[in-house]
Amino acid sequence: MMTKDFENEVPGDEGSEAQASGPDSQGNRQSQADADTDADETNTDETLTVDDILDAPQTDEAAVADASAADRDLVLDLKRLQAEYANYRRRTEEQRQVEIDRAKGSVAKGLLPVLDDLDRAEKHGDLAEGSPLQAIAEKLRGVVAKLGVERYGAAGDVFDPQQHEAIFHAPNPGGVADGTILDVVEVGYRLGGLELRPAKVVVAGPAE
């Protein structure tokens, strides 16, 4: 009967697994994990979109400092297109507002003769408080005011040729400076920077 010599037996798979799980092996796996993490971070940094580049809070020179010549030209072209589009939108909005004011002004100009008639009726006492005509006048003036139309020109104002039309120069009655408006024949109207009608006035001048 044969006796197995266990003392001289060479370690098998269990010894190999123990050796593989030793400190050196664990260190290698940790180094590989760190390398994979660095690679992932590098890939993340490289996956920048066009929006990321355009929205970055930095100057054009800083944005393309480390880029290739082709990428640098592309980024600068995108920056220029972005600036041109912003200017286009601003000009379009300004032009749109001008057209809106012109349309409102066209409507308001058609109402000016009616407003003049209401002013004359008021001077003659025909717009008595509580009368139907007075109520209509207030409604119409309210509509014109909502359009943004302003009326100007009053006695005592200083004459301004940019806003007033002098239809008569009266001798200075005394007590007022030359160039003072003595009477308003027809009030003026404006809509923002758009002149609808200059005020027609009588201006005080030196006595001849």
Protein backbone atom coordinates (compact mmCIF):
# COMPACT_ATOMS: atom_id res chain seq x y z
CA MET A 1 0.00 0.00 0.00
CA MET A 2 1.38 3.36 -1.14
CA THR A 3 1.59 6.34 1.26
CA LYS A 4 1.04 9.85 -0.17
CA ASP A 5 3.73 12.31 0.77
CA PHE A 6 1.74 15.43 1.72
CA GLU A 7 4.77 17.30 2.97
CA ASN A 8 6.42 17.39 -0.47
CA GLU A 9 3.22 18.29 -2.36
CA VAL A 10 3.57 21.42 -4.54
CA PRO A 11 0.92 24.12 -3.82
CA GLY A 12 -1.76 24.18 -6.51
CA ASP A 13 -4.46 26.64 -7.47
CA GLU A 14 -5.02 27.89 -3.93
CA GLY A 15 -1.45 29.13 -3.73
CA SER A 16 -1.75 30.86 -7.11
CA GLU A 17 -4.93 32.66 -6.04
CA ALA A 18 -3.32 33.82 -2.81
CA GLN A 19 -0.38 35.16 -4.72
CA ALA A 20 -2.65 36.97 -7.19
CA SER A 21 -4.54 38.62 -4.35
CA GLY A 22 -1.41 39.90 -2.66
CA PRO A 23 -0.49 43.57 -2.03
CA ASP A 24 1.28 44.00 -5.37
CA SER A 25 -1.75 42.84 -7.33
CA GLN A 26 -4.07 45.17 -5.43
CA GLY A 27 -1.73 48.07 -6.11
CA ASN A 28 -1.80 47.33 -9.84
CA ARG A 29 -5.59 47.29 -9.88
CA GLN A 30 -5.73 50.63 -8.04
CA SER A 31 -3.29 52.18 -10.53
CA GLN A 32 -5.40 50.92 -13.42
CA ALA A 33 -8.57 52.37 -11.81
CA ASP A 34 -6.88 55.76 -11.40
CA ALA A 35 -5.77 55.67 -15.02
CA ASP A 36 -9.34 54.91 -16.15
CA THR A 37 -10.67 57.81 -14.08
CA ASP A 38 -8.13 60.21 -15.61
CA ALA A 39 -9.08 58.98 -19.06
CA ASP A 40 -12.77 59.57 -18.36
CA GLU A 41 -12.07 63.11 -17.15
CA THR A 42 -9.98 63.79 -20.25
CA ASN A 43 -12.77 62.54 -22.49
CA THR A 44 -15.30 64.69 -20.61
CA ASP A 45 -13.18 67.81 -21.10
CA GLU A 46 -12.85 67.09 -24.80
CA THR A 47 -16.59 66.70 -25.41
CA LEU A 48 -17.35 70.43 -25.43
CA THR A 49 -20.24 71.58 -27.60
CA VAL A 50 -20.49 74.75 -29.66
CA ASP A 51 -22.85 76.21 -27.04
CA ASP A 52 -20.29 75.49 -24.30
CA ILE A 53 -17.68 77.47 -26.22
CA LEU A 54 -19.98 80.38 -27.02
CA ASP A 55 -21.36 80.63 -23.48
CA ALA A 56 -17.95 80.41 -21.77
CA PRO A 57 -17.29 83.61 -19.73
CA GLN A 58 -13.96 84.44 -21.34
CA THR A 59 -12.49 86.52 -24.10
CA ASP A 60 -12.20 85.34 -27.68
CA GLU A 61 -8.42 85.11 -27.38
CA ALA A 62 -8.62 82.96 -24.23
CA ALA A 63 -11.25 80.70 -25.77
CA VAL A 64 -9.04 79.77 -28.72
CA ALA A 65 -5.60 80.05 -27.14
CA ASP A 66 -4.99 76.28 -27.09
CA ALA A 67 -7.10 75.40 -30.13
CA SER A 68 -5.85 74.43 -33.55
CA ALA A 69 -5.88 76.94 -36.37
CA ALA A 70 -9.04 75.45 -37.89
CA ASP A 71 -10.87 75.38 -34.54
CA ARG A 72 -9.72 78.93 -33.78
CA ASP A 73 -11.17 80.22 -37.04
CA LEU A 74 -14.40 78.33 -36.42
CA VAL A 75 -14.87 79.76 -32.92
CA LEU A 76 -14.14 83.31 -34.06
CA ASP A 77 -16.59 82.93 -36.96
CA LEU A 78 -19.24 81.72 -34.54
CA LYS A 79 -18.56 84.69 -32.27
CA ARG A 80 -18.92 87.09 -35.18
CA LEU A 81 -22.16 85.47 -36.32
CA GLN A 82 -23.52 85.66 -32.79
CA ALA A 83 -22.71 89.40 -32.58
CA GLU A 84 -24.21 90.08 -36.02
CA TYR A 85 -27.39 88.26 -35.09
CA ALA A 86 -27.71 90.23 -31.85
CA ASN A 87 -27.32 93.49 -33.80
CA TYR A 88 -29.87 92.30 -36.36
CA ARG A 89 -32.41 91.55 -33.64
CA ARG A 90 -31.86 94.97 -32.07
CA ARG A 91 -32.30 96.79 -35.39
CA THR A 92 -35.39 94.72 -36.22
CA GLU A 93 -36.98 95.51 -32.87
CA GLU A 94 -36.25 99.23 -33.27
CA GLN A 95 -37.70 99.24 -36.79
CA ARG A 96 -40.74 97.34 -35.55
CA GLN A 97 -41.37 99.97 -32.88
CA VAL A 98 -41.03 102.75 -35.47
CA GLU A 99 -43.65 101.07 -37.68
CA ILE A 100 -45.99 100.65 -34.71
CA ASP A 101 -45.64 104.36 -33.85
CA ARG A 102 -46.29 105.31 -37.47
CA ALA A 103 -49.46 103.21 -37.56
CA LYS A 104 -50.67 104.76 -34.30
CA GLY A 105 -49.77 108.21 -35.58
CA SER A 106 -51.75 107.64 -38.76
CA VAL A 107 -54.84 106.77 -36.72
CA ALA A 108 -54.31 109.72 -34.39
CA LYS A 109 -53.88 112.18 -37.27
CA GLY A 110 -57.30 111.21 -38.54
CA LEU A 111 -58.76 112.11 -35.16
CA LEU A 112 -57.08 115.52 -34.81
CA PRO A 113 -59.86 117.48 -36.59
CA VAL A 114 -62.42 115.91 -34.25
CA LEU A 115 -60.27 116.82 -31.24
CA ASP A 116 -60.06 120.40 -32.53
CA ASP A 117 -63.85 120.56 -32.78
CA LEU A 118 -64.13 119.32 -29.21
CA ASP A 119 -61.69 122.02 -28.04
CA ARG A 120 -63.76 124.71 -29.77
CA ALA A 121 -66.97 123.33 -28.30
CA GLU A 122 -65.36 123.36 -24.86
CA LYS A 123 -64.30 127.01 -25.24
CA HIS A 124 -67.86 127.93 -26.23
CA GLY A 125 -69.29 126.15 -23.22
CA ASP A 126 -70.95 123.36 -25.18
CA LEU A 127 -69.31 120.58 -23.14
CA ALA A 128 -71.31 121.08 -19.98
CA GLU A 129 -70.51 118.75 -17.10
CA GLY A 130 -72.66 115.62 -17.29
CA SER A 131 -73.89 116.27 -20.82
CA PRO A 132 -73.85 113.47 -23.45
CA LEU A 133 -71.41 115.43 -25.61
CA GLN A 134 -69.03 115.87 -22.68
CA ALA A 135 -69.08 112.12 -22.03
CA ILE A 136 -68.29 111.39 -25.70
CA ALA A 137 -65.44 113.92 -25.64
CA GLU A 138 -63.87 112.28 -22.59
CA LYS A 139 -64.08 108.83 -24.17
CA LEU A 140 -62.46 110.00 -27.40
CA ARG A 141 -59.67 111.83 -25.59
CA GLY A 142 -59.09 108.72 -23.48
CA VAL A 143 -58.65 106.60 -26.62
CA VAL A 144 -56.13 109.06 -28.03
CA ALA A 145 -54.22 109.11 -24.74
CA LYS A 146 -54.02 105.29 -24.72
CA LEU A 147 -52.38 105.45 -28.13
CA GLY A 148 -49.58 107.43 -26.45
CA VAL A 149 -50.44 110.74 -28.11
CA GLU A 150 -49.49 113.90 -26.17
CA ARG A 151 -50.82 117.38 -26.71
CA TYR A 152 -48.65 120.41 -26.09
CA GLY A 153 -48.64 124.16 -26.44
CA ALA A 154 -49.93 126.56 -23.82
CA ALA A 155 -49.88 130.28 -23.20
CA GLY A 156 -46.84 131.28 -21.18
CA ASP A 157 -44.54 128.66 -22.74
CA VAL A 158 -41.32 129.78 -24.41
CA PHE A 159 -41.52 129.70 -28.19
CA ASP A 160 -39.54 126.81 -29.72
CA PRO A 161 -39.36 126.73 -33.53
CA GLN A 162 -38.79 122.96 -33.36
CA GLN A 163 -42.22 122.50 -31.77
CA HIS A 164 -44.25 125.63 -32.45
CA GLU A 165 -45.39 127.39 -35.57
CA ALA A 166 -45.66 131.16 -35.05
CA ILE A 167 -48.60 132.40 -37.09
CA PHE A 168 -48.49 135.91 -35.61
CA HIS A 169 -46.07 138.10 -33.65
CA ALA A 170 -47.91 140.45 -31.30
CA PRO A 171 -46.36 143.49 -29.66
CA ASN A 172 -45.09 142.64 -26.21
CA PRO A 173 -47.83 143.68 -23.76
CA GLY A 174 -45.26 144.08 -21.01
CA GLY A 175 -44.59 141.85 -18.09
CA VAL A 176 -43.47 138.94 -20.28
CA ALA A 177 -40.23 138.22 -22.11
CA ASP A 178 -39.96 138.42 -25.85
CA GLY A 179 -40.55 135.01 -27.40
CA THR A 180 -43.26 134.06 -24.92
CA ILE A 181 -46.36 132.38 -26.31
CA LEU A 182 -49.36 134.65 -25.74
CA ASP A 183 -52.07 132.46 -27.24
CA VAL A 184 -52.44 129.00 -28.79
CA VAL A 185 -54.55 128.92 -31.91
CA GLU A 186 -54.16 125.20 -32.46
CA VAL A 187 -52.54 122.79 -29.99
CA GLY A 188 -49.76 120.49 -31.13
CA TYR A 189 -49.66 116.71 -30.92
CA ARG A 190 -46.79 114.24 -30.79
CA LEU A 191 -46.40 110.51 -30.43
CA GLY A 192 -43.11 109.66 -28.77
CA GLY A 193 -40.49 111.15 -31.08
CA LEU A 194 -42.95 111.47 -33.96
CA GLU A 195 -44.33 114.96 -34.53
CA LEU A 196 -47.97 114.71 -35.58
CA ARG A 197 -48.64 118.45 -35.77
CA PRO A 198 -46.81 121.53 -34.48
CA ALA A 199 -48.64 123.92 -32.20
CA LYS A 200 -49.80 127.13 -33.93
CA VAL A 201 -49.21 130.02 -31.60
CA VAL A 202 -49.09 133.79 -31.18
CA VAL A 203 -45.71 134.99 -29.96
CA ALA A 204 -44.84 138.17 -28.07
CA GLY A 205 -42.30 140.38 -29.83
CA PRO A 206 -40.74 143.79 -29.37
CA ALA A 207 -43.03 146.74 -30.03
CA GLU A 208 -42.31 148.53 -33.31
